Amino acid sequence: MKQITFSTEPKQKITILFEDTTIEILLKFRPTIESWTMDINFRDEVLVNGKKLTMGIQLLKQFNKPFDIFLQENQNTGIDPFKQDDFTSRVSAYLLEREDLLEIRGYDVI
């Protein structure tokens, strides 16, 4: 599991080296609806577009990929990220890697 560092910028692009490829995350703050969303490209294909960031679940579980993203709140309120500074003040983001998911799922994926 690796921590992913997000800033307070309302639109940010993060590229993560993963195995033999990259994961590109475009994170967007939506002030009108008070939430954060993300787009993810994996192996040069769009995996998700406009996925709302939600606390305490595997955000990409339904895609059955060799990685996932998990958010953990540091103050135990259980409230999803809704402020522009949440990722620098109360929310941590993590990349669950193949080994982590093998332990969670009990099987590997391509």
C-alpha atoms as a PDB file:
ATOM      1  CA  MET A   1       0.000   0.000   0.000  1.00  0.00           C
ATOM      2  CA  LYS A   2       1.350   3.408  -1.023  1.00  0.00           C
ATOM      3  CA  GLN A   3       0.124   6.773   0.129  1.00  0.00           C
ATOM      4  CA  ILE A   4      -0.947   9.096  -2.695  1.00  0.00           C
ATOM      5  CA  THR A   5      -0.332  12.787  -2.086  1.00  0.00           C
ATOM      6  CA  PHE A   6      -3.040  15.161  -3.262  1.00  0.00           C
ATOM      7  CA  SER A   7      -2.820  18.936  -2.792  1.00  0.00           C
ATOM      8  CA  THR A   8      -5.459  21.654  -2.422  1.00  0.00           C
ATOM      9  CA  GLU A   9      -5.441  22.517  -6.129  1.00  0.00           C
ATOM     10  CA  PRO A  10      -8.988  22.162  -7.541  1.00  0.00           C
ATOM     11  CA  LYS A  11      -7.677  20.262 -10.575  1.00  0.00           C
ATOM     12  CA  GLN A  12      -4.613  18.034 -10.322  1.00  0.00           C
ATOM     13  CA  LYS A  13      -3.047  15.314 -12.418  1.00  0.00           C
ATOM     14  CA  ILE A  14      -1.063  12.576 -10.710  1.00  0.00           C
ATOM     15  CA  THR A  15       0.895   9.903 -12.565  1.00  0.00           C
ATOM     16  CA  ILE A  16       1.795   6.790 -10.598  1.00  0.00           C
ATOM     17  CA  LEU A  17       4.285   4.219 -11.834  1.00  0.00           C
ATOM     18  CA  PHE A  18       2.646   0.829 -11.462  1.00  0.00           C
ATOM     19  CA  GLU A  19       4.351  -2.389 -12.475  1.00  0.00           C
ATOM     20  CA  ASP A  20       5.159  -2.005 -16.203  1.00  0.00           C
ATOM     21  CA  THR A  21       2.800   0.919 -16.879  1.00  0.00           C
ATOM     22  CA  THR A  22       1.317   4.051 -15.321  1.00  0.00           C
ATOM     23  CA  ILE A  23      -1.897   5.034 -13.627  1.00  0.00           C
ATOM     24  CA  GLU A  24      -2.995   8.576 -14.429  1.00  0.00           C
ATOM     25  CA  ILE A  25      -5.402  10.209 -12.006  1.00  0.00           C
ATOM     26  CA  LEU A  26      -7.120  13.496 -12.757  1.00  0.00           C
ATOM     27  CA  LEU A  27      -8.589  14.764  -9.506  1.00  0.00           C
ATOM     28  CA  LYS A  28     -11.196  17.551  -9.565  1.00  0.00           C
ATOM     29  CA  PHE A  29     -12.808  19.537  -6.787  1.00  0.00           C
ATOM     30  CA  ARG A  30     -16.460  20.336  -7.508  1.00  0.00           C
ATOM     31  CA  PRO A  31     -17.407  23.310  -5.275  1.00  0.00           C
ATOM     32  CA  THR A  32     -21.004  23.441  -6.505  1.00  0.00           C
ATOM     33  CA  ILE A  33     -21.726  19.946  -5.215  1.00  0.00           C
ATOM     34  CA  GLU A  34     -19.033  20.038  -2.492  1.00  0.00           C
ATOM     35  CA  SER A  35     -17.234  16.881  -3.544  1.00  0.00           C
ATOM     36  CA  TRP A  36     -14.119  15.523  -5.231  1.00  0.00           C
ATOM     37  CA  THR A  37     -14.229  13.368  -8.364  1.00  0.00           C
ATOM     38  CA  MET A  38     -11.575  11.507 -10.308  1.00  0.00           C
ATOM     39  CA  ASP A  39     -10.877  10.248 -13.794  1.00  0.00           C
ATOM     40  CA  ILE A  40      -8.427   7.357 -14.161  1.00  0.00           C
ATOM     41  CA  ASN A  41      -6.537   6.162 -17.218  1.00  0.00           C
ATOM     42  CA  PHE A  42      -4.856   2.761 -16.975  1.00  0.00           C
ATOM     43  CA  ARG A  43      -2.867   1.143 -19.778  1.00  0.00           C
ATOM     44  CA  ASP A  44      -3.786   4.100 -22.008  1.00  0.00           C
ATOM     45  CA  GLU A  45      -7.513   3.453 -21.604  1.00  0.00           C
ATOM     46  CA  VAL A  46     -10.155   5.325 -19.625  1.00  0.00           C
ATOM     47  CA  LEU A  47     -11.021   3.265 -16.562  1.00  0.00           C
ATOM     48  CA  VAL A  48     -13.313   5.732 -14.773  1.00  0.00           C
ATOM     49  CA  ASN A  49     -14.630   9.173 -15.559  1.00  0.00           C
ATOM     50  CA  GLY A  50     -16.151  11.407 -12.887  1.00  0.00           C
ATOM     51  CA  LYS A  51     -16.059   8.855 -10.037  1.00  0.00           C
ATOM     52  CA  LYS A  52     -17.026  10.514  -6.733  1.00  0.00           C
ATOM     53  CA  LEU A  53     -14.470   9.987  -3.981  1.00  0.00           C
ATOM     54  CA  THR A  54     -16.062   8.134  -1.087  1.00  0.00           C
ATOM     55  CA  MET A  55     -14.580   7.304   2.285  1.00  0.00           C
ATOM     56  CA  GLY A  56     -13.718   3.813   3.502  1.00  0.00           C
ATOM     57  CA  ILE A  57     -14.396   1.644   0.425  1.00  0.00           C
ATOM     58  CA  GLN A  58     -12.347   0.267  -2.439  1.00  0.00           C
ATOM     59  CA  LEU A  59     -13.215   2.849  -5.078  1.00  0.00           C
ATOM     60  CA  LEU A  60     -12.419   0.621  -8.070  1.00  0.00           C
ATOM     61  CA  LYS A  61     -13.563  -2.765  -6.750  1.00  0.00           C
ATOM     62  CA  GLN A  62     -16.045  -3.410  -9.565  1.00  0.00           C
ATOM     63  CA  PHE A  63     -13.292  -3.153 -12.213  1.00  0.00           C
ATOM     64  CA  ASN A  64     -11.257  -6.052 -10.784  1.00  0.00           C
ATOM     65  CA  LYS A  65      -7.901  -4.447 -11.614  1.00  0.00           C
ATOM     66  CA  PRO A  66      -4.526  -5.213  -9.980  1.00  0.00           C
ATOM     67  CA  PHE A  67      -4.791  -1.955  -7.990  1.00  0.00           C
ATOM     68  CA  ASP A  68      -7.410   0.038  -6.141  1.00  0.00           C
ATOM     69  CA  ILE A  69      -7.744   3.352  -4.339  1.00  0.00           C
ATOM     70  CA  PHE A  70      -8.848   3.691  -0.739  1.00  0.00           C
ATOM     71  CA  LEU A  71      -9.524   6.840   1.315  1.00  0.00           C
ATOM     72  CA  GLN A  72      -9.093   6.992   5.064  1.00  0.00           C
ATOM     73  CA  GLU A  73     -10.239   9.833   7.229  1.00  0.00           C
ATOM     74  CA  ASN A  74      -7.915  10.907  10.021  1.00  0.00           C
ATOM     75  CA  GLN A  75     -10.602  12.342  12.344  1.00  0.00           C
ATOM     76  CA  ASN A  76     -13.082   9.431  12.294  1.00  0.00           C
ATOM     77  CA  THR A  77     -16.153  11.462  11.315  1.00  0.00           C
ATOM     78  CA  GLY A  78     -16.917   9.204   8.330  1.00  0.00           C
ATOM     79  CA  ILE A  79     -17.644  12.239   6.147  1.00  0.00           C
ATOM     80  CA  ASP A  80     -16.569  12.021   2.498  1.00  0.00           C
ATOM     81  CA  PRO A  81     -14.125  14.660   1.247  1.00  0.00           C
ATOM     82  CA  PHE A  82     -16.100  17.834   0.550  1.00  0.00           C
ATOM     83  CA  LYS A  83     -13.689  20.717   1.175  1.00  0.00           C
ATOM     84  CA  GLN A  84     -10.884  21.849  -1.084  1.00  0.00           C
ATOM     85  CA  ASP A  85      -8.302  21.309   1.668  1.00  0.00           C
ATOM     86  CA  ASP A  86      -9.543  17.894   2.868  1.00  0.00           C
ATOM     87  CA  PHE A  87      -6.559  16.003   1.405  1.00  0.00           C
ATOM     88  CA  THR A  88      -4.105  18.189   3.312  1.00  0.00           C
ATOM     89  CA  SER A  89      -6.059  18.305   6.565  1.00  0.00           C
ATOM     90  CA  ARG A  90      -8.136  15.195   7.285  1.00  0.00           C
ATOM     91  CA  VAL A  91      -8.194  12.650   4.421  1.00  0.00           C
ATOM     92  CA  SER A  92      -5.418  10.312   3.269  1.00  0.00           C
ATOM     93  CA  ALA A  93      -5.484   8.473  -0.062  1.00  0.00           C
ATOM     94  CA  TYR A  94      -3.810   5.113  -0.646  1.00  0.00           C
ATOM     95  CA  LEU A  95      -3.020   2.975  -3.656  1.00  0.00           C
ATOM     96  CA  LEU A  96      -3.722  -0.667  -2.868  1.00  0.00           C
ATOM     97  CA  GLU A  97      -1.263  -2.698  -4.910  1.00  0.00           C
ATOM     98  CA  ARG A  98      -1.465  -6.223  -6.319  1.00  0.00           C
ATOM     99  CA  GLU A  99      -0.089  -7.838  -3.124  1.00  0.00           C
ATOM    100  CA  ASP A 100      -2.603  -5.976  -0.946  1.00  0.00           C
ATOM    101  CA  LEU A 101      -5.509  -7.005  -3.153  1.00  0.00           C
ATOM    102  CA  LEU A 102      -4.338 -10.612  -3.385  1.00  0.00           C
ATOM    103  CA  GLU A 103      -4.585 -10.751   0.400  1.00  0.00           C
ATOM    104  CA  ILE A 104      -8.010  -9.029   0.427  1.00  0.00           C
ATOM    105  CA  ARG A 105      -9.582 -10.894  -2.519  1.00  0.00           C
ATOM    106  CA  GLY A 106      -7.805 -14.213  -2.252  1.00  0.00           C
ATOM    107  CA  TYR A 107      -7.026 -14.287  -5.990  1.00  0.00           C
ATOM    108  CA  ASP A 108      -4.900 -12.406  -8.519  1.00  0.00           C
ATOM    109  CA  VAL A 109      -5.992 -10.531 -11.645  1.00  0.00           C
ATOM    110  CA  ILE A 110      -4.278  -9.486 -14.868  1.00  0.00           C
END
